[in-house]
N, C-alpha and C. Protein backbone atom coordinates (compact mmCIF):
# COMPACT_ATOMS: atom_id res chain seq x y z
N MET A 1 7.62 -9.72 -5.90
CA MET A 1 7.16 -9.03 -4.73
C MET A 1 5.72 -7.85 -5.00
N LYS A 2 5.09 -7.57 -4.15
CA LYS A 2 3.35 -7.13 -4.77
C LYS A 2 3.57 -5.97 -3.85
N CYS A 3 2.39 -4.91 -4.48
CA CYS A 3 2.18 -3.61 -4.41
C CYS A 3 1.02 -3.25 -2.87
N ASP A 4 1.83 -2.79 -1.62
CA ASP A 4 0.72 -2.71 -0.94
C ASP A 4 -0.28 -2.41 -0.78
N ARG A 5 -0.96 -0.92 -2.51
CA ARG A 5 -1.56 -0.35 -2.51
C ARG A 5 -2.84 -1.42 -3.78
N CYS A 6 -2.18 -1.39 -4.81
CA CYS A 6 -3.00 -2.23 -5.89
C CYS A 6 -2.94 -3.39 -5.33
N ASP A 7 -2.42 -4.76 -5.17
CA ASP A 7 -1.58 -5.83 -4.47
C ASP A 7 -1.26 -6.59 -6.24
N LYS A 8 -0.78 -5.49 -6.94
CA LYS A 8 -0.13 -6.42 -7.78
C LYS A 8 1.52 -6.63 -8.19
N PRO A 9 1.91 -7.14 -8.61
CA PRO A 9 3.58 -7.64 -8.92
C PRO A 9 4.25 -6.08 -9.16
N ILE A 10 5.09 -5.78 -8.55
CA ILE A 10 5.87 -4.72 -8.70
C ILE A 10 7.58 -5.74 -9.49
N LEU A 11 7.94 -5.07 -10.86
CA LEU A 11 9.22 -5.32 -11.47
C LEU A 11 10.33 -4.75 -10.48
N PRO A 12 11.31 -5.46 -10.51
CA PRO A 12 12.66 -5.32 -9.87
C PRO A 12 12.56 -3.41 -10.56
N GLY A 13 12.95 -2.55 -9.42
CA GLY A 13 13.67 -1.39 -10.03
C GLY A 13 12.24 0.17 -10.33
N GLN A 14 10.86 -1.10 -10.04
CA GLN A 14 9.97 0.11 -9.89
C GLN A 14 9.07 0.07 -9.02
N GLU A 15 10.05 -0.54 -7.71
CA GLU A 15 9.24 -0.11 -6.22
C GLU A 15 9.74 1.30 -5.54
N GLU A 16 9.09 1.42 -4.81
CA GLU A 16 8.98 2.86 -3.94
C GLU A 16 8.23 2.21 -2.69
N ARG A 17 10.09 2.39 -1.74
CA ARG A 17 9.91 2.51 0.03
C ARG A 17 9.36 3.02 0.77
N VAL A 18 8.15 3.26 1.44
CA VAL A 18 7.63 4.41 2.26
C VAL A 18 7.74 4.06 3.88
N PRO A 19 7.90 4.68 4.36
CA PRO A 19 8.13 4.54 5.65
C PRO A 19 6.64 5.21 6.43
N VAL A 20 6.42 4.09 7.25
CA VAL A 20 5.38 4.34 8.13
C VAL A 20 5.27 4.45 9.65
N PHE A 21 5.30 5.99 9.66
CA PHE A 21 5.38 5.76 11.15
C PHE A 21 4.70 5.35 12.36
N SER A 22 4.55 4.99 13.27
CA SER A 22 3.37 4.89 14.44
C SER A 22 3.27 5.50 15.91
N GLY A 23 2.41 5.64 16.55
CA GLY A 23 2.14 6.32 17.46
C GLY A 23 2.31 5.81 18.76
N SER A 24 2.38 4.27 18.70
CA SER A 24 2.32 2.97 19.23
C SER A 24 3.24 2.33 19.09
N GLY A 25 4.30 2.54 17.91
CA GLY A 25 5.32 1.36 18.00
C GLY A 25 6.27 1.96 16.63
N ALA A 26 7.51 0.95 16.67
CA ALA A 26 8.31 1.30 15.45
C ALA A 26 7.70 1.87 14.34
N GLY A 27 6.83 1.59 13.80
CA GLY A 27 5.84 1.87 12.42
C GLY A 27 6.82 0.41 11.47
N GLY A 28 6.93 0.88 10.39
CA GLY A 28 6.84 0.14 9.38
C GLY A 28 6.71 0.64 8.10
N THR A 29 7.36 -0.22 6.51
CA THR A 29 7.37 0.06 5.61
C THR A 29 6.50 -0.27 4.32
N VAL A 30 5.81 0.72 3.31
CA VAL A 30 4.80 -0.05 2.50
C VAL A 30 5.49 -0.03 1.09
N VAL A 31 5.16 -1.40 0.90
CA VAL A 31 6.37 -1.01 -0.88
C VAL A 31 4.79 -0.64 -2.05
N LEU A 32 5.16 0.22 -2.57
CA LEU A 32 4.32 0.60 -3.59
C LEU A 32 4.93 0.86 -5.11
N HIS A 33 4.01 0.62 -6.04
CA HIS A 33 4.62 1.19 -7.56
C HIS A 33 5.22 2.53 -7.49
N ARG A 34 6.15 2.99 -8.32
CA ARG A 34 6.62 4.01 -8.10
C ARG A 34 5.80 5.35 -9.25
N GLY A 35 5.38 6.08 -8.81
CA GLY A 35 4.33 7.18 -10.14
C GLY A 35 3.06 6.65 -10.15
N GLY A 36 3.19 5.73 -8.67
CA GLY A 36 1.22 5.96 -8.25
C GLY A 36 0.36 4.94 -9.29
N CYS A 37 -0.87 3.77 -8.70
CA CYS A 37 -1.47 3.34 -9.85
C CYS A 37 -2.79 3.22 -8.91
N GLN A 38 -3.87 2.40 -8.72
CA GLN A 38 -4.83 2.43 -8.38
C GLN A 38 -5.24 1.45 -7.18
N VAL A 39 -5.72 1.78 -6.18
CA VAL A 39 -6.26 1.41 -4.88
C VAL A 39 -7.17 -0.63 -4.85
N SER A 40 -6.34 -1.17 -4.97
CA SER A 40 -7.20 -2.20 -5.31
C SER A 40 -8.33 -2.82 -4.29
N ARG A 41 -9.58 -3.16 -4.51
CA ARG A 41 -10.85 -3.10 -3.96
C ARG A 41 -11.01 -4.63 -3.57
N ALA A 42 -10.02 -5.60 -3.74
CA ALA A 42 -9.75 -6.80 -3.00
C ALA A 42 -10.30 -7.21 -1.29
N HIS A 43 -9.82 -6.17 -0.93
CA HIS A 43 -9.86 -5.59 0.46
C HIS A 43 -10.60 -5.40 1.09
N PRO A 44 -11.58 -6.51 1.74
CA PRO A 44 -12.93 -5.18 2.12
C PRO A 44 -12.77 -3.57 3.30
N VAL A 45 -13.57 -3.02 2.99
CA VAL A 45 -13.71 -1.61 3.76
C VAL A 45 -14.58 -1.53 5.20
N SER A 46 -13.33 -0.93 5.66
CA SER A 46 -13.94 -1.16 7.33
C SER A 46 -15.03 -0.74 7.53
N TYR A 47 -15.36 0.76 7.09
CA TYR A 47 -17.23 1.11 6.89
C TYR A 47 -17.60 1.11 5.50
N PRO A 48 -18.67 1.41 5.51
CA PRO A 48 -19.63 0.98 3.90
C PRO A 48 -19.38 2.70 3.46
N PRO A 49 -19.90 2.85 2.45
CA PRO A 49 -19.38 3.88 2.47
C PRO A 49 -21.11 4.92 2.15
N GLY A 50 -20.67 5.87 2.69
CA GLY A 50 -22.25 7.29 3.06
C GLY A 50 -21.83 6.49 5.01
N ARG A 51 -21.30 6.24 5.64
CA ARG A 51 -21.26 5.68 6.74
C ARG A 51 -20.85 6.78 7.89
């Protein structure tokens, strides 16, 4: 399983499941490292900084 924040593997028992609610639907669940991690820059940002 991979972390939805940093895109690195998560070992069993080190994950945290967080529900995400949406105004347009049922929402979903994201899986993160327990205790935090750094945001991956592998995915492009919608708008460049300073815009």
